[in-house]
N, C-alpha and C. Protein backbone atom coordinates (compact mmCIF):
# COMPACT_ATOMS: atom_id res chain seq x y z
N MET A 1 -3.59 30.68 8.32
CA MET A 1 -4.68 30.07 7.86
C MET A 1 -5.04 28.97 8.70
N GLN A 2 -3.88 28.12 9.34
CA GLN A 2 -4.20 26.90 10.04
C GLN A 2 -5.06 27.32 11.14
N ARG A 3 -4.71 28.41 11.92
CA ARG A 3 -5.29 29.12 13.18
C ARG A 3 -6.92 28.95 12.73
N LEU A 4 -7.04 29.60 11.73
CA LEU A 4 -8.56 29.84 11.30
C LEU A 4 -9.15 28.63 11.48
N ILE A 5 -8.51 27.55 10.66
CA ILE A 5 -9.23 26.22 10.57
C ILE A 5 -9.63 25.44 11.75
N TRP A 6 -8.60 25.85 12.51
CA TRP A 6 -8.76 25.20 13.91
C TRP A 6 -9.95 25.92 14.93
N ILE A 7 -9.89 27.24 14.75
CA ILE A 7 -10.98 27.99 15.46
C ILE A 7 -12.39 27.60 14.68
N LEU A 8 -12.67 27.48 13.41
CA LEU A 8 -13.77 26.96 12.80
C LEU A 8 -14.29 25.45 13.16
N LEU A 9 -13.19 24.70 13.34
CA LEU A 9 -13.62 23.46 13.70
C LEU A 9 -14.11 23.29 15.22
N LEU A 10 -13.38 24.13 16.18
CA LEU A 10 -13.71 24.32 17.47
C LEU A 10 -15.12 24.75 17.78
N LEU A 11 -15.38 25.82 16.71
CA LEU A 11 -16.72 26.49 17.08
C LEU A 11 -17.95 25.46 16.31
N SER A 12 -17.61 24.61 15.50
CA SER A 12 -18.53 23.89 14.80
C SER A 12 -18.67 22.47 15.81
N MET A 13 -17.96 22.22 16.59
CA MET A 13 -18.23 21.08 17.51
C MET A 13 -19.11 21.15 18.36
N PRO A 14 -19.80 20.16 18.64
CA PRO A 14 -20.97 20.16 19.65
C PRO A 14 -20.56 20.44 21.00
N THR A 15 -21.31 21.42 21.82
CA THR A 15 -20.82 21.58 23.18
C THR A 15 -21.22 20.37 24.15
N PHE A 16 -20.52 19.29 24.29
CA PHE A 16 -20.86 18.24 25.02
C PHE A 16 -21.10 18.53 26.66
N ALA A 17 -20.55 19.66 27.18
CA ALA A 17 -20.71 20.02 28.75
C ALA A 17 -22.21 20.29 28.60
N GLU A 18 -22.95 20.71 27.92
CA GLU A 18 -24.22 21.14 27.68
C GLU A 18 -25.30 20.06 27.95
N LEU A 19 -24.96 18.82 27.56
CA LEU A 19 -25.64 17.79 27.53
C LEU A 19 -26.09 17.50 28.85
N LYS A 20 -27.45 17.05 29.09
CA LYS A 20 -27.94 16.54 30.37
C LYS A 20 -27.45 15.01 30.44
N GLU A 21 -27.03 14.72 31.56
CA GLU A 21 -26.66 13.43 31.86
C GLU A 21 -27.63 12.58 32.63
N PHE A 22 -27.88 11.40 32.33
CA PHE A 22 -28.65 10.55 33.08
C PHE A 22 -27.76 9.23 33.36
N LYS A 23 -28.15 8.74 34.36
CA LYS A 23 -27.13 7.49 35.17
C LYS A 23 -28.09 6.11 35.04
N LEU A 24 -27.54 5.16 34.53
CA LEU A 24 -28.06 3.89 34.68
C LEU A 24 -26.98 3.01 35.48
N VAL A 25 -27.42 2.09 36.25
CA VAL A 25 -26.50 0.95 36.82
C VAL A 25 -27.03 -0.51 36.50
N LEU A 26 -26.17 -1.00 36.13
CA LEU A 26 -26.32 -2.64 35.78
C LEU A 26 -25.70 -3.33 36.87
N LYS A 27 -26.71 -3.93 37.49
CA LYS A 27 -26.33 -4.89 38.55
C LYS A 27 -27.01 -6.14 38.84
N ASP A 28 -26.29 -7.35 38.84
CA ASP A 28 -26.94 -8.66 38.91
C ASP A 28 -27.71 -8.76 37.62
N HIS A 29 -27.27 -8.32 36.58
CA HIS A 29 -27.87 -8.45 34.98
C HIS A 29 -29.45 -7.81 35.13
N LEU A 30 -29.42 -6.64 35.64
CA LEU A 30 -30.68 -5.87 35.83
C LEU A 30 -30.11 -4.33 35.74
N PHE A 31 -31.09 -3.42 35.01
CA PHE A 31 -30.65 -2.25 34.92
C PHE A 31 -31.50 -1.37 36.01
N TYR A 32 -30.85 -0.40 36.58
CA TYR A 32 -31.58 0.29 37.62
C TYR A 32 -31.52 1.80 37.28
N PRO A 33 -32.23 2.75 37.23
CA PRO A 33 -33.88 2.31 37.16
C PRO A 33 -34.09 1.60 35.72
N ALA A 34 -35.10 0.95 35.91
CA ALA A 34 -35.69 0.07 34.66
C ALA A 34 -36.34 0.95 33.71
N ARG A 35 -36.83 1.99 34.31
CA ARG A 35 -37.57 3.09 33.57
C ARG A 35 -37.35 4.33 33.88
N MET A 36 -36.89 5.35 32.91
CA MET A 36 -36.25 6.61 33.32
C MET A 36 -36.82 7.55 32.18
N GLU A 37 -37.35 8.80 32.86
CA GLU A 37 -37.69 9.80 32.13
C GLU A 37 -36.52 10.76 31.42
N VAL A 38 -36.69 10.97 30.17
CA VAL A 38 -35.52 11.87 29.55
C VAL A 38 -36.16 13.00 28.92
N PRO A 39 -35.43 13.96 28.61
CA PRO A 39 -36.31 15.06 27.80
C PRO A 39 -36.25 14.70 26.34
N SER A 40 -37.58 14.94 25.55
CA SER A 40 -37.66 14.62 24.35
C SER A 40 -37.10 16.34 23.39
N GLY A 41 -36.53 15.98 22.22
CA GLY A 41 -36.10 16.89 21.50
C GLY A 41 -34.64 17.39 21.97
N GLU A 42 -33.88 16.58 22.79
CA GLU A 42 -32.40 17.14 23.38
C GLU A 42 -31.71 15.82 23.03
N LYS A 43 -30.36 15.98 22.78
CA LYS A 43 -29.39 14.98 23.07
C LYS A 43 -29.16 14.73 24.34
N ILE A 44 -28.98 13.73 24.72
CA ILE A 44 -28.47 13.29 26.26
C ILE A 44 -27.01 12.22 25.91
N ARG A 45 -26.65 12.56 27.17
CA ARG A 45 -25.40 11.55 27.48
C ARG A 45 -25.97 10.59 28.94
N LEU A 46 -25.97 9.33 28.47
CA LEU A 46 -26.17 8.09 29.16
C LEU A 46 -25.21 7.64 29.90
N LEU A 47 -25.06 7.48 31.02
CA LEU A 47 -23.94 6.76 31.75
C LEU A 47 -24.26 5.46 32.36
N VAL A 48 -23.58 4.70 31.93
CA VAL A 48 -24.16 3.29 32.16
C VAL A 48 -23.09 2.60 33.27
N HIS A 49 -23.12 2.43 34.51
CA HIS A 49 -22.34 1.72 35.15
C HIS A 49 -22.40 0.53 35.52
N ASN A 50 -21.56 -0.50 34.89
CA ASN A 50 -21.50 -1.94 34.94
C ASN A 50 -21.01 -2.51 36.37
N LEU A 51 -21.70 -2.70 37.24
CA LEU A 51 -21.43 -3.32 38.49
C LEU A 51 -21.07 -4.66 38.57
N ASP A 52 -21.54 -5.36 37.37
CA ASP A 52 -21.34 -6.66 37.23
C ASP A 52 -19.87 -7.19 36.97
N GLY A 53 -19.39 -8.36 37.12
CA GLY A 53 -17.92 -8.90 36.72
C GLY A 53 -17.97 -9.10 35.47
N ASP A 54 -19.03 -9.39 34.61
CA ASP A 54 -18.95 -9.51 33.40
C ASP A 54 -19.28 -8.47 32.57
N PRO A 55 -18.72 -8.58 31.21
CA PRO A 55 -19.28 -7.49 30.26
C PRO A 55 -20.75 -7.74 29.68
N GLU A 56 -21.40 -6.67 29.40
CA GLU A 56 -22.75 -6.81 29.01
C GLU A 56 -23.05 -5.99 27.67
N GLU A 57 -23.78 -6.27 26.59
CA GLU A 57 -23.82 -5.28 25.74
C GLU A 57 -25.28 -4.77 25.53
N PHE A 58 -25.10 -3.46 25.77
CA PHE A 58 -26.50 -2.61 25.54
C PHE A 58 -26.93 -2.49 24.30
N ASP A 59 -28.25 -2.85 24.07
CA ASP A 59 -28.95 -3.04 22.79
C ASP A 59 -29.99 -2.26 22.60
N SER A 60 -30.35 -1.76 21.66
CA SER A 60 -31.55 -1.00 21.45
C SER A 60 -32.04 -0.82 19.95
N PHE A 61 -32.81 -1.50 19.58
CA PHE A 61 -33.35 -1.27 18.15
C PHE A 61 -34.04 0.14 18.00
N ASP A 62 -34.55 0.26 19.20
CA ASP A 62 -35.70 1.77 19.03
C ASP A 62 -34.65 2.86 19.20
N LEU A 63 -33.51 2.82 19.83
CA LEU A 63 -32.44 4.11 20.04
C LEU A 63 -31.48 3.84 18.94
N ASN A 64 -31.52 2.70 18.11
CA ASN A 64 -30.44 2.50 17.13
C ASN A 64 -29.18 2.64 17.82
N ARG A 65 -28.88 1.83 18.82
CA ARG A 65 -27.67 1.81 19.66
C ARG A 65 -27.00 0.41 20.00
N GLU A 66 -25.79 0.19 20.16
CA GLU A 66 -25.31 -1.12 20.39
C GLU A 66 -23.82 -0.58 21.12
N LYS A 67 -23.69 -1.03 22.44
CA LYS A 67 -22.64 -0.67 22.99
C LYS A 67 -22.09 -1.76 24.19
N VAL A 68 -20.67 -2.07 23.94
CA VAL A 68 -20.25 -3.11 25.02
C VAL A 68 -20.16 -2.11 26.40
N LEU A 69 -20.68 -2.93 27.46
CA LEU A 69 -20.45 -2.24 28.70
C LEU A 69 -19.53 -3.12 29.38
N PHE A 70 -18.22 -2.54 29.71
CA PHE A 70 -17.27 -3.25 30.02
C PHE A 70 -17.40 -3.22 31.90
N PRO A 71 -17.15 -4.32 32.49
CA PRO A 71 -17.14 -4.54 33.87
C PRO A 71 -16.69 -3.50 34.80
N GLY A 72 -17.19 -2.85 35.70
CA GLY A 72 -16.53 -2.24 36.65
C GLY A 72 -16.22 -0.52 35.96
N ARG A 73 -16.90 -0.43 34.87
CA ARG A 73 -16.54 0.98 34.28
C ARG A 73 -18.00 1.71 34.07
N ILE A 74 -17.69 2.94 33.97
CA ILE A 74 -18.92 3.75 33.53
C ILE A 74 -18.60 3.93 31.97
N ASN A 75 -19.63 3.50 31.24
CA ASN A 75 -19.94 3.54 29.96
C ASN A 75 -20.81 4.56 29.34
N VAL A 76 -20.25 5.27 28.16
CA VAL A 76 -21.18 6.65 27.92
C VAL A 76 -21.64 6.28 26.63
N ILE A 77 -23.07 6.63 26.39
CA ILE A 77 -23.83 6.24 25.27
C ILE A 77 -24.55 7.80 24.96
N TYR A 78 -24.23 8.15 23.87
CA TYR A 78 -25.08 9.46 23.36
C TYR A 78 -26.34 8.95 22.82
N VAL A 79 -27.59 9.89 22.93
CA VAL A 79 -28.65 9.43 22.53
C VAL A 79 -29.32 10.82 22.15
N GLY A 80 -30.24 10.52 21.21
CA GLY A 80 -31.31 11.67 20.74
C GLY A 80 -30.79 12.55 19.64
N PRO A 81 -31.41 13.71 19.45
CA PRO A 81 -32.70 13.92 20.33
C PRO A 81 -33.60 13.06 19.86
N LEU A 82 -34.86 12.80 20.89
CA LEU A 82 -35.80 11.67 20.61
C LEU A 82 -37.09 12.55 20.56
N ALA A 83 -37.81 11.99 19.84
CA ALA A 83 -39.32 12.10 19.79
C ALA A 83 -40.21 11.85 21.07
N PRO A 84 -41.15 12.53 21.44
CA PRO A 84 -41.71 12.06 22.80
C PRO A 84 -42.05 10.42 22.39
N GLY A 85 -42.11 9.59 23.48
CA GLY A 85 -42.44 8.17 23.36
C GLY A 85 -41.61 7.22 24.09
N GLU A 86 -41.68 6.01 24.09
CA GLU A 86 -41.17 4.86 24.64
C GLU A 86 -39.72 4.21 23.98
N TYR A 87 -38.70 4.07 24.59
CA TYR A 87 -37.71 3.46 23.85
C TYR A 87 -37.12 2.34 24.56
N PHE A 88 -37.27 1.06 24.05
CA PHE A 88 -36.83 -0.06 24.93
C PHE A 88 -35.37 -0.18 24.42
N PHE A 89 -34.71 -1.02 25.68
CA PHE A 89 -33.29 -1.43 25.47
C PHE A 89 -33.15 -2.41 26.48
N PHE A 90 -32.10 -3.31 26.01
CA PHE A 90 -31.77 -4.63 26.86
C PHE A 90 -30.15 -4.97 26.76
N GLY A 91 -29.83 -5.81 27.70
CA GLY A 91 -28.68 -6.36 27.61
C GLY A 91 -28.63 -7.74 26.87
N GLU A 92 -27.91 -7.58 25.64
CA GLU A 92 -27.73 -8.69 24.80
C GLU A 92 -27.59 -10.06 25.73
N PHE A 93 -26.78 -10.19 26.58
CA PHE A 93 -25.98 -11.52 27.16
C PHE A 93 -27.00 -11.74 28.14
N ALA A 94 -28.03 -10.79 28.72
CA ALA A 94 -28.94 -11.50 29.43
C ALA A 94 -30.42 -10.44 29.25
N PRO A 95 -30.82 -11.00 28.01
CA PRO A 95 -31.82 -10.25 27.35
C PRO A 95 -33.27 -10.47 28.22
N ASP A 96 -33.37 -11.48 29.07
CA ASP A 96 -34.53 -11.97 29.98
C ASP A 96 -34.76 -11.04 31.30
N THR A 97 -33.54 -10.51 31.69
CA THR A 97 -33.64 -9.83 32.88
C THR A 97 -33.07 -8.41 32.80
N ALA A 98 -32.23 -8.09 31.79
CA ALA A 98 -31.47 -6.74 31.54
C ALA A 98 -32.22 -6.09 30.84
N ARG A 99 -33.53 -5.17 31.17
CA ARG A 99 -34.27 -4.79 30.43
C ARG A 99 -34.50 -3.14 30.81
N GLY A 100 -35.00 -2.44 29.98
CA GLY A 100 -35.24 -1.00 30.51
C GLY A 100 -35.96 -0.21 29.37
N THR A 101 -36.44 1.12 29.83
CA THR A 101 -37.05 1.59 28.96
C THR A 101 -36.84 3.23 29.03
N LEU A 102 -36.52 3.79 28.15
CA LEU A 102 -36.31 5.40 28.37
C LEU A 102 -37.61 6.03 27.85
N VAL A 103 -38.19 7.11 28.64
CA VAL A 103 -39.30 7.53 28.27
C VAL A 103 -39.02 9.20 27.93
N ALA A 104 -39.23 9.41 26.72
CA ALA A 104 -38.80 10.64 26.08
C ALA A 104 -40.13 11.70 26.57
N VAL A 105 -40.07 12.67 27.35
CA VAL A 105 -41.25 13.53 27.77
C VAL A 105 -40.65 14.94 27.35
N PRO A 106 -41.81 16.03 26.88
CA PRO A 106 -41.35 17.29 26.81
C PRO A 106 -41.05 17.77 27.97
N ILE A 107 -40.24 18.61 28.11
CA ILE A 107 -39.66 19.21 29.23
C ILE A 107 -40.56 19.61 30.31
N GLU A 108 -41.74 20.36 29.57
CA GLU A 108 -42.81 20.90 30.50
C GLU A 108 -43.45 19.88 30.97
N GLU A 109 -43.51 18.63 30.69
CA GLU A 109 -44.38 17.60 31.36
C GLU A 109 -43.41 16.68 32.28
N GLN A 110 -42.17 16.91 32.41
CA GLN A 110 -41.30 15.97 33.00
C GLN A 110 -41.64 16.22 34.75
N LYS A 111 -41.42 15.18 35.42
CA LYS A 111 -41.56 15.21 37.01
C LYS A 111 -40.36 15.72 37.63
N PRO A 112 -40.52 16.71 38.61
CA PRO A 112 -39.26 17.36 39.19
C PRO A 112 -38.51 16.17 39.89
């Protein structure tokens, strides 16, 4: 019985290996790239590498996400699935400079 429960749990878990990954870099309190296209209708994994010596907080009211970005680390943020459109994000500790936008685009309209 216990084996059956484990099998059912494993089968019901999302397969994170299939998620598309998108990379952002935080350097000198700026996000690079500041504007990034992602596929709409899909859950994605956003990898944010904080190259600054200080922590930052990734904040987005549009994405309903808030996450501390530890210095010198790659931080993972799961997003979506998103409807087509633009989603603004910013660094809470440097809101005037650390700004960016995810643009959710249908797959057939994405640039190669």
